[in-house]
């Protein structure tokens, strides 16, 4: 993990329709300084939810995303996800977090990453 770690808190709650509602704080994630590690952590209230494994936990889209983002790691308990970000360019990336719970329910959430290229 780089010294430049960007923490993001992920919360899963119940939406008005009874389904899962996901939020991230901050959103968007703004990266200054390279390289960076983005550390997503499920909060304590998100009981029963976890990230899918490794690169299945997140999909990132944007300019040169396959080169820009690497080293996808999910913790053993599934509560944290880390992704290295080269931050080589100034661009906005869309990403989708992929979560699941013990009963097999899955939910996807689409916040964004803003790279400064610095």
PDB file of N, CA and C in Angstrom:
ATOM      1  N   UNK A   1       0.842  -1.166   0.000  1.00  0.00           N
ATOM      2  CA  UNK A   1       0.000   0.000   0.000  1.00  0.00           C
ATOM      3  C   UNK A   1       0.893   1.236   0.000  1.00  0.00           C
ATOM      4  N   UNK A   2       0.545   2.249  -0.807  1.00  0.00           N
ATOM      5  CA  UNK A   2       1.341   3.463  -0.867  1.00  0.00           C
ATOM      6  C   UNK A   2       1.109   4.313   0.379  1.00  0.00           C
ATOM      7  N   UNK A   3       1.996   5.280   0.589  1.00  0.00           N
ATOM      8  CA  UNK A   3       1.819   6.209   1.697  1.00  0.00           C
ATOM      9  C   UNK A   3       0.639   7.138   1.468  1.00  0.00           C
ATOM     10  N   UNK A   4       0.213   7.264   0.226  1.00  0.00           N
ATOM     11  CA  UNK A   4      -0.910   8.120  -0.136  1.00  0.00           C
ATOM     12  C   UNK A   4      -2.178   7.263  -0.214  1.00  0.00           C
ATOM     13  N   UNK A   5      -2.776   7.000   0.939  1.00  0.00           N
ATOM     14  CA  UNK A   5      -3.975   6.159   0.995  1.00  0.00           C
ATOM     15  C   UNK A   5      -5.206   7.044   1.136  1.00  0.00           C
ATOM     16  N   UNK A   6      -6.172   6.818   0.266  1.00  0.00           N
ATOM     17  CA  UNK A   6      -7.417   7.577   0.250  1.00  0.00           C
ATOM     18  C   UNK A   6      -8.514   6.679   0.825  1.00  0.00           C
ATOM     19  N   UNK A   7      -9.003   6.976   2.051  1.00  0.00           N
ATOM     20  CA  UNK A   7     -10.057   6.145   2.638  1.00  0.00           C
ATOM     21  C   UNK A   7     -11.442   6.531   2.116  1.00  0.00           C
ATOM     22  N   UNK A   8     -12.253   5.529   1.852  1.00  0.00           N
ATOM     23  CA  UNK A   8     -13.636   5.733   1.422  1.00  0.00           C
ATOM     24  C   UNK A   8     -14.516   4.824   2.275  1.00  0.00           C
ATOM     25  N   UNK A   9     -15.521   5.403   2.915  1.00  0.00           N
ATOM     26  CA  UNK A   9     -16.457   4.617   3.715  1.00  0.00           C
ATOM     27  C   UNK A   9     -17.651   4.242   2.848  1.00  0.00           C
ATOM     28  N   UNK A  10     -17.988   2.966   2.837  1.00  0.00           N
ATOM     29  CA  UNK A  10     -19.119   2.445   2.068  1.00  0.00           C
ATOM     30  C   UNK A  10     -20.198   2.021   3.051  1.00  0.00           C
ATOM     31  N   UNK A  11     -21.424   2.479   2.826  1.00  0.00           N
ATOM     32  CA  UNK A  11     -22.561   2.126   3.687  1.00  0.00           C
ATOM     33  C   UNK A  11     -23.637   1.446   2.864  1.00  0.00           C
ATOM     34  N   UNK A  12     -24.162   0.364   3.384  1.00  0.00           N
ATOM     35  CA  UNK A  12     -25.299  -0.314   2.760  1.00  0.00           C
ATOM     36  C   UNK A  12     -26.456  -0.239   3.750  1.00  0.00           C
ATOM     37  N   UNK A  13     -27.540   0.379   3.309  1.00  0.00           N
ATOM     38  CA  UNK A  13     -28.730   0.507   4.150  1.00  0.00           C
ATOM     39  C   UNK A  13     -29.935   0.015   3.353  1.00  0.00           C
ATOM     40  N   UNK A  14     -31.110   0.131   3.935  1.00  0.00           N
ATOM     41  CA  UNK A  14     -32.332  -0.306   3.254  1.00  0.00           C
ATOM     42  C   UNK A  14     -32.999   0.902   2.613  1.00  0.00           C
ATOM     43  N   UNK A  15     -33.249   0.805   1.321  1.00  0.00           N
ATOM     44  CA  UNK A  15     -33.921   1.870   0.570  1.00  0.00           C
ATOM     45  C   UNK A  15     -35.419   1.838   0.853  1.00  0.00           C
ATOM     46  N   UNK A  16     -36.106   2.865   0.422  1.00  0.00           N
ATOM     47  CA  UNK A  16     -37.550   2.958   0.611  1.00  0.00           C
ATOM     48  C   UNK A  16     -38.322   1.800   0.019  1.00  0.00           C
ATOM     49  N   UNK A  17     -37.788   1.192  -1.053  1.00  0.00           N
ATOM     50  CA  UNK A  17     -38.470   0.058  -1.690  1.00  0.00           C
ATOM     51  C   UNK A  17     -38.099  -1.275  -1.041  1.00  0.00           C
ATOM     52  N   UNK A  18     -37.297  -1.218   0.052  1.00  0.00           N
ATOM     53  CA  UNK A  18     -36.900  -2.439   0.746  1.00  0.00           C
ATOM     54  C   UNK A  18     -35.619  -3.059   0.245  1.00  0.00           C
ATOM     55  N   UNK A  19     -35.107  -2.590  -0.892  1.00  0.00           N
ATOM     56  CA  UNK A  19     -33.859  -3.107  -1.437  1.00  0.00           C
ATOM     57  C   UNK A  19     -32.665  -2.409  -0.818  1.00  0.00           C
ATOM     58  N   UNK A  20     -31.466  -2.845  -1.163  1.00  0.00           N
ATOM     59  CA  UNK A  20     -30.267  -2.227  -0.612  1.00  0.00           C
ATOM     60  C   UNK A  20     -29.985  -0.862  -1.243  1.00  0.00           C
ATOM     61  N   UNK A  21     -29.480   0.047  -0.443  1.00  0.00           N
ATOM     62  CA  UNK A  21     -29.066   1.377  -0.891  1.00  0.00           C
ATOM     63  C   UNK A  21     -27.602   1.544  -0.482  1.00  0.00           C
ATOM     64  N   UNK A  22     -26.734   1.852  -1.447  1.00  0.00           N
ATOM     65  CA  UNK A  22     -25.311   1.993  -1.190  1.00  0.00           C
ATOM     66  C   UNK A  22     -24.916   3.457  -1.324  1.00  0.00           C
ATOM     67  N   UNK A  23     -24.098   3.935  -0.380  1.00  0.00           N
ATOM     68  CA  UNK A  23     -23.521   5.274  -0.477  1.00  0.00           C
ATOM     69  C   UNK A  23     -22.031   5.184  -0.169  1.00  0.00           C
ATOM     70  N   UNK A  24     -21.273   6.124  -0.720  1.00  0.00           N
ATOM     71  CA  UNK A  24     -19.837   6.220  -0.454  1.00  0.00           C
ATOM     72  C   UNK A  24     -19.523   7.625   0.039  1.00  0.00           C
ATOM     73  N   UNK A  25     -18.577   7.710   0.956  1.00  0.00           N
ATOM     74  CA  UNK A  25     -18.133   8.995   1.444  1.00  0.00           C
ATOM     75  C   UNK A  25     -16.613   8.974   1.521  1.00  0.00           C
ATOM     76  N   UNK A  26     -15.935   9.772   0.687  1.00  0.00           N
ATOM     77  CA  UNK A  26     -16.456  10.795  -0.201  1.00  0.00           C
ATOM     78  C   UNK A  26     -16.917  10.222  -1.542  1.00  0.00           C
ATOM     79  N   UNK A  27     -17.685  10.985  -2.244  1.00  0.00           N
ATOM     80  CA  UNK A  27     -18.124  10.678  -3.610  1.00  0.00           C
ATOM     81  C   UNK A  27     -18.279  12.007  -4.342  1.00  0.00           C
ATOM     82  N   UNK A  28     -17.418  12.304  -5.319  1.00  0.00           N
ATOM     83  CA  UNK A  28     -16.412  11.414  -5.885  1.00  0.00           C
ATOM     84  C   UNK A  28     -15.173  11.312  -4.999  1.00  0.00           C
ATOM     85  N   UNK A  29     -14.378  10.288  -5.291  1.00  0.00           N
ATOM     86  CA  UNK A  29     -13.075  10.116  -4.655  1.00  0.00           C
ATOM     87  C   UNK A  29     -12.092  10.952  -5.477  1.00  0.00           C
ATOM     88  N   UNK A  30     -11.419  11.914  -4.841  1.00  0.00           N
ATOM     89  CA  UNK A  30     -10.458  12.758  -5.543  1.00  0.00           C
ATOM     90  C   UNK A  30      -9.048  12.345  -5.149  1.00  0.00           C
ATOM     91  N   UNK A  31      -8.216  12.082  -6.146  1.00  0.00           N
ATOM     92  CA  UNK A  31      -6.856  11.607  -5.934  1.00  0.00           C
ATOM     93  C   UNK A  31      -5.873  12.741  -6.225  1.00  0.00           C
ATOM     94  N   UNK A  32      -5.023  13.053  -5.262  1.00  0.00           N
ATOM     95  CA  UNK A  32      -3.904  13.975  -5.439  1.00  0.00           C
ATOM     96  C   UNK A  32      -2.657  13.261  -4.966  1.00  0.00           C
ATOM     97  N   UNK A  33      -1.683  13.128  -5.835  1.00  0.00           N
ATOM     98  CA  UNK A  33      -0.432  12.477  -5.458  1.00  0.00           C
ATOM     99  C   UNK A  33      -0.362  11.072  -5.984  1.00  0.00           C
ATOM    100  N   UNK A  34       0.780  10.720  -6.518  1.00  0.00           N
ATOM    101  CA  UNK A  34       0.928   9.406  -7.105  1.00  0.00           C
ATOM    102  C   UNK A  34       2.080   8.649  -6.508  1.00  0.00           C
ATOM    103  N   UNK A  35       2.035   7.375  -6.505  1.00  0.00           N
ATOM    104  CA  UNK A  35       0.814   6.592  -6.696  1.00  0.00           C
ATOM    105  C   UNK A  35      -0.074   6.717  -5.468  1.00  0.00           C
ATOM    106  N   UNK A  36      -1.295   6.277  -5.603  1.00  0.00           N
ATOM    107  CA  UNK A  36      -2.244   6.311  -4.495  1.00  0.00           C
ATOM    108  C   UNK A  36      -2.870   4.939  -4.336  1.00  0.00           C
ATOM    109  N   UNK A  37      -3.359   4.686  -3.134  1.00  0.00           N
ATOM    110  CA  UNK A  37      -4.135   3.483  -2.870  1.00  0.00           C
ATOM    111  C   UNK A  37      -5.502   3.934  -2.379  1.00  0.00           C
ATOM    112  N   UNK A  38      -6.548   3.475  -3.041  1.00  0.00           N
ATOM    113  CA  UNK A  38      -7.901   3.768  -2.580  1.00  0.00           C
ATOM    114  C   UNK A  38      -8.336   2.597  -1.710  1.00  0.00           C
ATOM    115  N   UNK A  39      -8.782   2.914  -0.495  1.00  0.00           N
ATOM    116  CA  UNK A  39      -9.183   1.908   0.489  1.00  0.00           C
ATOM    117  C   UNK A  39     -10.667   2.080   0.799  1.00  0.00           C
ATOM    118  N   UNK A  40     -11.494   1.198   0.240  1.00  0.00           N
ATOM    119  CA  UNK A  40     -12.925   1.203   0.514  1.00  0.00           C
ATOM    120  C   UNK A  40     -13.177   0.292   1.709  1.00  0.00           C
ATOM    121  N   UNK A  41     -13.941   0.780   2.692  1.00  0.00           N
ATOM    122  CA  UNK A  41     -14.258  -0.005   3.886  1.00  0.00           C
ATOM    123  C   UNK A  41     -15.756   0.030   4.135  1.00  0.00           C
ATOM    124  N   UNK A  42     -16.357  -1.132   4.308  1.00  0.00           N
ATOM    125  CA  UNK A  42     -17.769  -1.196   4.680  1.00  0.00           C
ATOM    126  C   UNK A  42     -17.911  -0.764   6.133  1.00  0.00           C
ATOM    127  N   UNK A  43     -18.851   0.124   6.412  1.00  0.00           N
ATOM    128  CA  UNK A  43     -19.035   0.591   7.791  1.00  0.00           C
ATOM    129  C   UNK A  43     -19.720  -0.483   8.636  1.00  0.00           C
ATOM    130  N   UNK A  44     -19.714  -0.266   9.954  1.00  0.00           N
ATOM    131  CA  UNK A  44     -20.249  -1.256  10.898  1.00  0.00           C
ATOM    132  C   UNK A  44     -21.735  -1.522  10.690  1.00  0.00           C
ATOM    133  N   UNK A  45     -22.482  -0.536  10.185  1.00  0.00           N
ATOM    134  CA  UNK A  45     -23.920  -0.705   9.980  1.00  0.00           C
ATOM    135  C   UNK A  45     -24.247  -1.604   8.781  1.00  0.00           C
ATOM    136  N   UNK A  46     -23.264  -1.868   7.943  1.00  0.00           N
ATOM    137  CA  UNK A  46     -23.476  -2.669   6.728  1.00  0.00           C
ATOM    138  C   UNK A  46     -23.322  -4.158   7.013  1.00  0.00           C
ATOM    139  N   UNK A  47     -23.936  -4.620   8.073  1.00  0.00           N
ATOM    140  CA  UNK A  47     -23.836  -6.002   8.522  1.00  0.00           C
ATOM    141  C   UNK A  47     -24.298  -6.973   7.438  1.00  0.00           C
ATOM    142  N   UNK A  48     -23.511  -8.020   7.231  1.00  0.00           N
ATOM    143  CA  UNK A  48     -23.888  -9.069   6.289  1.00  0.00           C
ATOM    144  C   UNK A  48     -23.414  -8.824   4.873  1.00  0.00           C
ATOM    145  N   UNK A  49     -22.976  -7.615   4.549  1.00  0.00           N
ATOM    146  CA  UNK A  49     -22.516  -7.307   3.200  1.00  0.00           C
ATOM    147  C   UNK A  49     -21.007  -7.411   3.128  1.00  0.00           C
ATOM    148  N   UNK A  50     -20.505  -7.786   1.947  1.00  0.00           N
ATOM    149  CA  UNK A  50     -19.073  -7.789   1.712  1.00  0.00           C
ATOM    150  C   UNK A  50     -18.803  -7.543   0.235  1.00  0.00           C
ATOM    151  N   UNK A  51     -17.571  -7.167  -0.058  1.00  0.00           N
ATOM    152  CA  UNK A  51     -17.163  -6.974  -1.440  1.00  0.00           C
ATOM    153  C   UNK A  51     -16.962  -8.337  -2.090  1.00  0.00           C
ATOM    154  N   UNK A  52     -17.229  -8.416  -3.388  1.00  0.00           N
ATOM    155  CA  UNK A  52     -16.845  -9.615  -4.119  1.00  0.00           C
ATOM    156  C   UNK A  52     -15.320  -9.703  -4.095  1.00  0.00           C
ATOM    157  N   UNK A  53     -14.752 -10.813  -4.550  1.00  0.00           N
ATOM    158  CA  UNK A  53     -13.328 -11.062  -4.426  1.00  0.00           C
ATOM    159  C   UNK A  53     -12.511 -10.345  -5.493  1.00  0.00           C
ATOM    160  N   UNK A  54     -11.389  -9.713  -5.049  1.00  0.00           N
ATOM    161  CA  UNK A  54     -10.385  -9.131  -5.946  1.00  0.00           C
ATOM    162  C   UNK A  54     -10.946  -8.231  -7.021  1.00  0.00           C
ATOM    163  N   UNK A  55     -10.569  -8.492  -8.281  1.00  0.00           N
ATOM    164  CA  UNK A  55     -11.005  -7.625  -9.374  1.00  0.00           C
ATOM    165  C   UNK A  55     -12.489  -7.789  -9.721  1.00  0.00           C
ATOM    166  N   UNK A  56     -13.171  -8.741  -9.086  1.00  0.00           N
ATOM    167  CA  UNK A  56     -14.626  -8.874  -9.272  1.00  0.00           C
ATOM    168  C   UNK A  56     -15.388  -7.903  -8.366  1.00  0.00           C
ATOM    169  N   UNK A  57     -14.667  -7.238  -7.440  1.00  0.00           N
ATOM    170  CA  UNK A  57     -15.288  -6.312  -6.495  1.00  0.00           C
ATOM    171  C   UNK A  57     -15.520  -4.938  -7.101  1.00  0.00           C
ATOM    172  N   UNK A  58     -14.864  -4.651  -8.219  1.00  0.00           N
ATOM    173  CA  UNK A  58     -14.957  -3.320  -8.801  1.00  0.00           C
ATOM    174  C   UNK A  58     -14.723  -3.385 -10.300  1.00  0.00           C
ATOM    175  N   UNK A  59     -15.445  -2.543 -11.036  1.00  0.00           N
ATOM    176  CA  UNK A  59     -15.231  -2.351 -12.463  1.00  0.00           C
ATOM    177  C   UNK A  59     -14.922  -0.872 -12.643  1.00  0.00           C
ATOM    178  N   UNK A  60     -13.814  -0.551 -13.307  1.00  0.00           N
ATOM    179  CA  UNK A  60     -13.415   0.841 -13.504  1.00  0.00           C
ATOM    180  C   UNK A  60     -13.370   1.138 -14.988  1.00  0.00           C
ATOM    181  N   UNK A  61     -14.018   2.251 -15.386  1.00  0.00           N
ATOM    182  CA  UNK A  61     -14.060   2.653 -16.792  1.00  0.00           C
ATOM    183  C   UNK A  61     -13.542   4.074 -16.929  1.00  0.00           C
ATOM    184  N   UNK A  62     -12.746   4.313 -17.962  1.00  0.00           N
ATOM    185  CA  UNK A  62     -12.199   5.633 -18.245  1.00  0.00           C
ATOM    186  C   UNK A  62     -10.919   5.483 -19.038  1.00  0.00           C
ATOM    187  N   UNK A  63     -10.257   6.622 -19.338  1.00  0.00           N
ATOM    188  CA  UNK A  63      -9.054   6.588 -20.170  1.00  0.00           C
ATOM    189  C   UNK A  63      -7.945   5.727 -19.567  1.00  0.00           C
ATOM    190  N   UNK A  64      -7.525   4.711 -20.306  1.00  0.00           N
ATOM    191  CA  UNK A  64      -6.430   3.823 -19.886  1.00  0.00           C
ATOM    192  C   UNK A  64      -6.648   3.192 -18.506  1.00  0.00           C
ATOM    193  N   UNK A  65      -7.885   2.887 -18.164  1.00  0.00           N
ATOM    194  CA  UNK A  65      -8.212   2.368 -16.832  1.00  0.00           C
ATOM    195  C   UNK A  65      -7.432   1.097 -16.499  1.00  0.00           C
ATOM    196  N   UNK A  66      -7.201   0.242 -17.482  1.00  0.00           N
ATOM    197  CA  UNK A  66      -6.484  -1.013 -17.215  1.00  0.00           C
ATOM    198  C   UNK A  66      -5.034  -0.755 -16.809  1.00  0.00           C
ATOM    199  N   UNK A  67      -4.462   0.343 -17.275  1.00  0.00           N
ATOM    200  CA  UNK A  67      -3.089   0.702 -16.911  1.00  0.00           C
ATOM    201  C   UNK A  67      -3.059   1.550 -15.649  1.00  0.00           C
ATOM    202  N   UNK A  68      -4.054   2.371 -15.483  1.00  0.00           N
ATOM    203  CA  UNK A  68      -4.112   3.331 -14.374  1.00  0.00           C
ATOM    204  C   UNK A  68      -4.385   2.660 -13.018  1.00  0.00           C
ATOM    205  N   UNK A  69      -5.220   1.630 -13.020  1.00  0.00           N
ATOM    206  CA  UNK A  69      -5.641   0.954 -11.778  1.00  0.00           C
ATOM    207  C   UNK A  69      -5.158  -0.496 -11.792  1.00  0.00           C
ATOM    208  N   UNK A  70      -4.660  -0.958 -10.650  1.00  0.00           N
ATOM    209  CA  UNK A  70      -4.087  -2.309 -10.581  1.00  0.00           C
ATOM    210  C   UNK A  70      -4.065  -2.772  -9.125  1.00  0.00           C
ATOM    211  N   UNK A  71      -3.661  -3.995  -8.904  1.00  0.00           N
ATOM    212  CA  UNK A  71      -3.514  -4.578  -7.567  1.00  0.00           C
ATOM    213  C   UNK A  71      -4.822  -4.529  -6.764  1.00  0.00           C
ATOM    214  N   UNK A  72      -5.845  -5.174  -7.282  1.00  0.00           N
ATOM    215  CA  UNK A  72      -7.163  -5.244  -6.633  1.00  0.00           C
ATOM    216  C   UNK A  72      -7.113  -6.289  -5.523  1.00  0.00           C
ATOM    217  N   UNK A  73      -7.356  -5.873  -4.282  1.00  0.00           N
ATOM    218  CA  UNK A  73      -7.267  -6.799  -3.159  1.00  0.00           C
ATOM    219  C   UNK A  73      -8.474  -6.652  -2.245  1.00  0.00           C
ATOM    220  N   UNK A  74      -9.147  -7.764  -1.980  1.00  0.00           N
ATOM    221  CA  UNK A  74     -10.244  -7.798  -1.017  1.00  0.00           C
ATOM    222  C   UNK A  74      -9.737  -8.496   0.240  1.00  0.00           C
ATOM    223  N   UNK A  75     -10.061  -7.935   1.411  1.00  0.00           N
ATOM    224  CA  UNK A  75      -9.636  -8.560   2.664  1.00  0.00           C
ATOM    225  C   UNK A  75     -10.289  -9.931   2.826  1.00  0.00           C
ATOM    226  N   UNK A  76      -9.725 -10.747   3.686  1.00  0.00           N
ATOM    227  CA  UNK A  76     -10.233 -12.102   3.925  1.00  0.00           C
ATOM    228  C   UNK A  76     -11.695 -12.084   4.348  1.00  0.00           C
ATOM    229  N   UNK A  77     -12.090 -11.113   5.181  1.00  0.00           N
ATOM    230  CA  UNK A  77     -13.484 -11.038   5.634  1.00  0.00           C
ATOM    231  C   UNK A  77     -14.392 -10.303   4.649  1.00  0.00           C
ATOM    232  N   UNK A  78     -13.824  -9.771   3.555  1.00  0.00           N
ATOM    233  CA  UNK A  78     -14.617  -9.104   2.529  1.00  0.00           C
ATOM    234  C   UNK A  78     -15.072  -7.703   2.888  1.00  0.00           C
ATOM    235  N   UNK A  79     -14.587  -7.143   3.984  1.00  0.00           N
ATOM    236  CA  UNK A  79     -15.040  -5.833   4.461  1.00  0.00           C
ATOM    237  C   UNK A  79     -14.245  -4.663   3.898  1.00  0.00           C
ATOM    238  N   UNK A  80     -13.064  -4.933   3.308  1.00  0.00           N
ATOM    239  CA  UNK A  80     -12.273  -3.866   2.701  1.00  0.00           C
ATOM    240  C   UNK A  80     -11.813  -4.259   1.301  1.00  0.00           C
ATOM    241  N   UNK A  81     -11.649  -3.244   0.480  1.00  0.00           N
ATOM    242  CA  UNK A  81     -11.168  -3.403  -0.882  1.00  0.00           C
ATOM    243  C   UNK A  81     -10.099  -2.338  -1.097  1.00  0.00           C
ATOM    244  N   UNK A  82      -8.926  -2.733  -1.585  1.00  0.00           N
ATOM    245  CA  UNK A  82      -7.893  -1.766  -1.938  1.00  0.00           C
ATOM    246  C   UNK A  82      -7.583  -1.883  -3.423  1.00  0.00           C
ATOM    247  N   UNK A  83      -7.336  -0.718  -4.041  1.00  0.00           N
ATOM    248  CA  UNK A  83      -6.975  -0.662  -5.446  1.00  0.00           C
ATOM    249  C   UNK A  83      -5.876   0.386  -5.589  1.00  0.00           C
ATOM    250  N   UNK A  84      -4.788   0.036  -6.265  1.00  0.00           N
ATOM    251  CA  UNK A  84      -3.715   0.982  -6.532  1.00  0.00           C
ATOM    252  C   UNK A  84      -4.103   1.844  -7.731  1.00  0.00           C
ATOM    253  N   UNK A  85      -3.760   3.139  -7.642  1.00  0.00           N
ATOM    254  CA  UNK A  85      -4.067   4.109  -8.684  1.00  0.00           C
ATOM    255  C   UNK A  85      -2.771   4.826  -9.043  1.00  0.00           C
ATOM    256  N   UNK A  86      -2.307   4.665 -10.277  1.00  0.00           N
ATOM    257  CA  UNK A  86      -1.069   5.310 -10.710  1.00  0.00           C
ATOM    258  C   UNK A  86      -1.214   6.831 -10.741  1.00  0.00           C
ATOM    259  N   UNK A  87      -2.431   7.345 -10.928  1.00  0.00           N
ATOM    260  CA  UNK A  87      -2.712   8.786 -11.025  1.00  0.00           C
ATOM    261  C   UNK A  87      -1.786   9.451 -12.038  1.00  0.00           C
ATOM    262  N   UNK A  88      -1.643   8.815 -13.207  1.00  0.00           N
ATOM    263  CA  UNK A  88      -0.759   9.331 -14.255  1.00  0.00           C
ATOM    264  C   UNK A  88      -1.396  10.397 -15.136  1.00  0.00           C
ATOM    265  N   UNK A  89      -2.697  10.588 -15.031  1.00  0.00           N
ATOM    266  CA  UNK A  89      -3.332  11.586 -15.881  1.00  0.00           C
ATOM    267  C   UNK A  89      -4.465  12.274 -15.126  1.00  0.00           C
ATOM    268  N   UNK A  90      -4.902  13.384 -15.652  1.00  0.00           N
ATOM    269  CA  UNK A  90      -6.009  14.126 -15.060  1.00  0.00           C
ATOM    270  C   UNK A  90      -7.281  13.701 -15.788  1.00  0.00           C
ATOM    271  N   UNK A  91      -8.079  12.878 -15.127  1.00  0.00           N
ATOM    272  CA  UNK A  91      -9.276  12.337 -15.773  1.00  0.00           C
ATOM    273  C   UNK A  91     -10.268  11.896 -14.710  1.00  0.00           C
ATOM    274  N   UNK A  92     -11.511  11.780 -15.127  1.00  0.00           N
ATOM    275  CA  UNK A  92     -12.529  11.227 -14.233  1.00  0.00           C
ATOM    276  C   UNK A  92     -12.843   9.810 -14.679  1.00  0.00           C
ATOM    277  N   UNK A  93     -12.921   8.902 -13.702  1.00  0.00           N
ATOM    278  CA  UNK A  93     -13.203   7.494 -13.957  1.00  0.00           C
ATOM    279  C   UNK A  93     -14.515   7.127 -13.293  1.00  0.00           C
ATOM    280  N   UNK A  94     -15.286   6.336 -13.985  1.00  0.00           N
ATOM    281  CA  UNK A  94     -16.505   5.785 -13.392  1.00  0.00           C
ATOM    282  C   UNK A  94     -16.187   4.393 -12.902  1.00  0.00           C
ATOM    283  N   UNK A  95     -16.667   4.091 -11.727  1.00  0.00           N
ATOM    284  CA  UNK A  95     -16.446   2.746 -11.216  1.00  0.00           C
ATOM    285  C   UNK A  95     -17.728   2.201 -10.623  1.00  0.00           C
ATOM    286  N   UNK A  96     -17.823   0.897 -10.619  1.00  0.00           N
ATOM    287  CA  UNK A  96     -18.960   0.200 -10.047  1.00  0.00           C
ATOM    288  C   UNK A  96     -18.439  -0.748  -8.983  1.00  0.00           C
ATOM    289  N   UNK A  97     -18.915  -0.567  -7.750  1.00  0.00           N
ATOM    290  CA  UNK A  97     -18.595  -1.496  -6.673  1.00  0.00           C
ATOM    291  C   UNK A  97     -19.582  -2.648  -6.740  1.00  0.00           C
ATOM    292  N   UNK A  98     -19.109  -3.862  -6.522  1.00  0.00           N
ATOM    293  CA  UNK A  98     -19.942  -5.059  -6.567  1.00  0.00           C
ATOM    294  C   UNK A  98     -19.931  -5.702  -5.178  1.00  0.00           C
ATOM    295  N   UNK A  99     -21.097  -5.703  -4.530  1.00  0.00           N
ATOM    296  CA  UNK A  99     -21.238  -6.236  -3.175  1.00  0.00           C
ATOM    297  C   UNK A  99     -22.189  -7.415  -3.170  1.00  0.00           C
ATOM    298  N   UNK A 100     -22.050  -8.262  -2.150  1.00  0.00           N
ATOM    299  CA  UNK A 100     -22.957  -9.402  -2.004  1.00  0.00           C
ATOM    300  C   UNK A 100     -23.188  -9.626  -0.516  1.00  0.00           C
ATOM    301  N   UNK A 101     -24.264 -10.364  -0.208  1.00  0.00           N
ATOM    302  CA  UNK A 101     -24.500 -10.741   1.195  1.00  0.00           C
ATOM    303  C   UNK A 101     -24.629 -12.258   1.299  1.00  0.00           C
ATOM    304  N   UNK A 102     -24.753 -12.752   2.509  1.00  0.00           N
ATOM    305  CA  UNK A 102     -24.762 -14.199   2.758  1.00  0.00           C
ATOM    306  C   UNK A 102     -25.943 -14.902   2.112  1.00  0.00           C
ATOM    307  N   UNK A 103     -27.056 -14.195   1.917  1.00  0.00           N
ATOM    308  CA  UNK A 103     -28.227 -14.830   1.318  1.00  0.00           C
ATOM    309  C   UNK A 103     -28.166 -14.856  -0.206  1.00  0.00           C
ATOM    310  N   UNK A 104     -27.079 -14.321  -0.777  1.00  0.00           N
ATOM    311  CA  UNK A 104     -26.906 -14.355  -2.224  1.00  0.00           C
ATOM    312  C   UNK A 104     -27.332 -13.095  -2.935  1.00  0.00           C
ATOM    313  N   UNK A 105     -27.908 -12.137  -2.212  1.00  0.00           N
ATOM    314  CA  UNK A 105     -28.295 -10.872  -2.840  1.00  0.00           C
ATOM    315  C   UNK A 105     -27.040 -10.112  -3.253  1.00  0.00           C
ATOM    316  N   UNK A 106     -27.134  -9.417  -4.381  1.00  0.00           N
ATOM    317  CA  UNK A 106     -26.020  -8.618  -4.867  1.00  0.00           C
ATOM    318  C   UNK A 106     -26.499  -7.207  -5.137  1.00  0.00           C
ATOM    319  N   UNK A 107     -25.592  -6.248  -5.008  1.00  0.00           N
ATOM    320  CA  UNK A 107     -25.913  -4.863  -5.314  1.00  0.00           C
ATOM    321  C   UNK A 107     -24.679  -4.217  -5.938  1.00  0.00           C
ATOM    322  N   UNK A 108     -24.908  -3.338  -6.906  1.00  0.00           N
ATOM    323  CA  UNK A 108     -23.846  -2.592  -7.568  1.00  0.00           C
ATOM    324  C   UNK A 108     -24.074  -1.108  -7.303  1.00  0.00           C
ATOM    325  N   UNK A 109     -22.986  -0.330  -7.203  1.00  0.00           N
ATOM    326  CA  UNK A 109     -23.085   1.103  -6.959  1.00  0.00           C
ATOM    327  C   UNK A 109     -22.051   1.820  -7.819  1.00  0.00           C
ATOM    328  N   UNK A 110     -22.445   2.971  -8.410  1.00  0.00           N
ATOM    329  CA  UNK A 110     -21.621   3.690  -9.391  1.00  0.00           C
ATOM    330  C   UNK A 110     -21.193   5.086  -8.947  1.00  0.00           C
ATOM    331  N   UNK A 111     -20.243   5.218  -8.026  1.00  0.00           N
ATOM    332  CA  UNK A 111     -19.672   6.539  -7.756  1.00  0.00           C
ATOM    333  C   UNK A 111     -18.560   6.835  -8.762  1.00  0.00           C
ATOM    334  N   UNK A 112     -17.693   7.829  -8.536  1.00  0.00           N
ATOM    335  CA  UNK A 112     -16.637   8.106  -9.493  1.00  0.00           C
ATOM    336  C   UNK A 112     -15.331   8.501  -8.805  1.00  0.00           C
ATOM    337  N   UNK A 113     -14.226   8.400  -9.580  1.00  0.00           N
ATOM    338  CA  UNK A 113     -12.881   8.755  -9.129  1.00  0.00           C
ATOM    339  C   UNK A 113     -12.404   9.893 -10.001  1.00  0.00           C
ATOM    340  N   UNK A 114     -11.866  10.933  -9.384  1.00  0.00           N
ATOM    341  CA  UNK A 114     -11.323  12.073 -10.116  1.00  0.00           C
ATOM    342  C   UNK A 114      -9.818  12.113  -9.871  1.00  0.00           C
ATOM    343  N   UNK A 115      -9.023  11.818 -10.915  1.00  0.00           N
ATOM    344  CA  UNK A 115      -7.560  11.850 -10.804  1.00  0.00           C
ATOM    345  C   UNK A 115      -7.049  13.237 -11.131  1.00  0.00           C
ATOM    346  N   UNK A 116      -6.080  13.709 -10.353  1.00  0.00           N
ATOM    347  CA  UNK A 116      -5.498  15.028 -10.594  1.00  0.00           C
ATOM    348  C   UNK A 116      -4.332  14.969 -11.559  1.00  0.00           C
ATOM    349  N   UNK A 117      -3.709  13.786 -11.687  1.00  0.00           N
ATOM    350  CA  UNK A 117      -2.544  13.650 -12.552  1.00  0.00           C
ATOM    351  C   UNK A 117      -1.304  14.287 -11.933  1.00  0.00           C
ATOM    352  N   UNK A 118      -1.322  14.442 -10.609  1.00  0.00           N
ATOM    353  CA  UNK A 118      -0.185  15.077  -9.909  1.00  0.00           C
ATOM    354  C   UNK A 118       0.431  14.138  -8.912  1.00  0.00           C
TER     355      UNK A 118
END
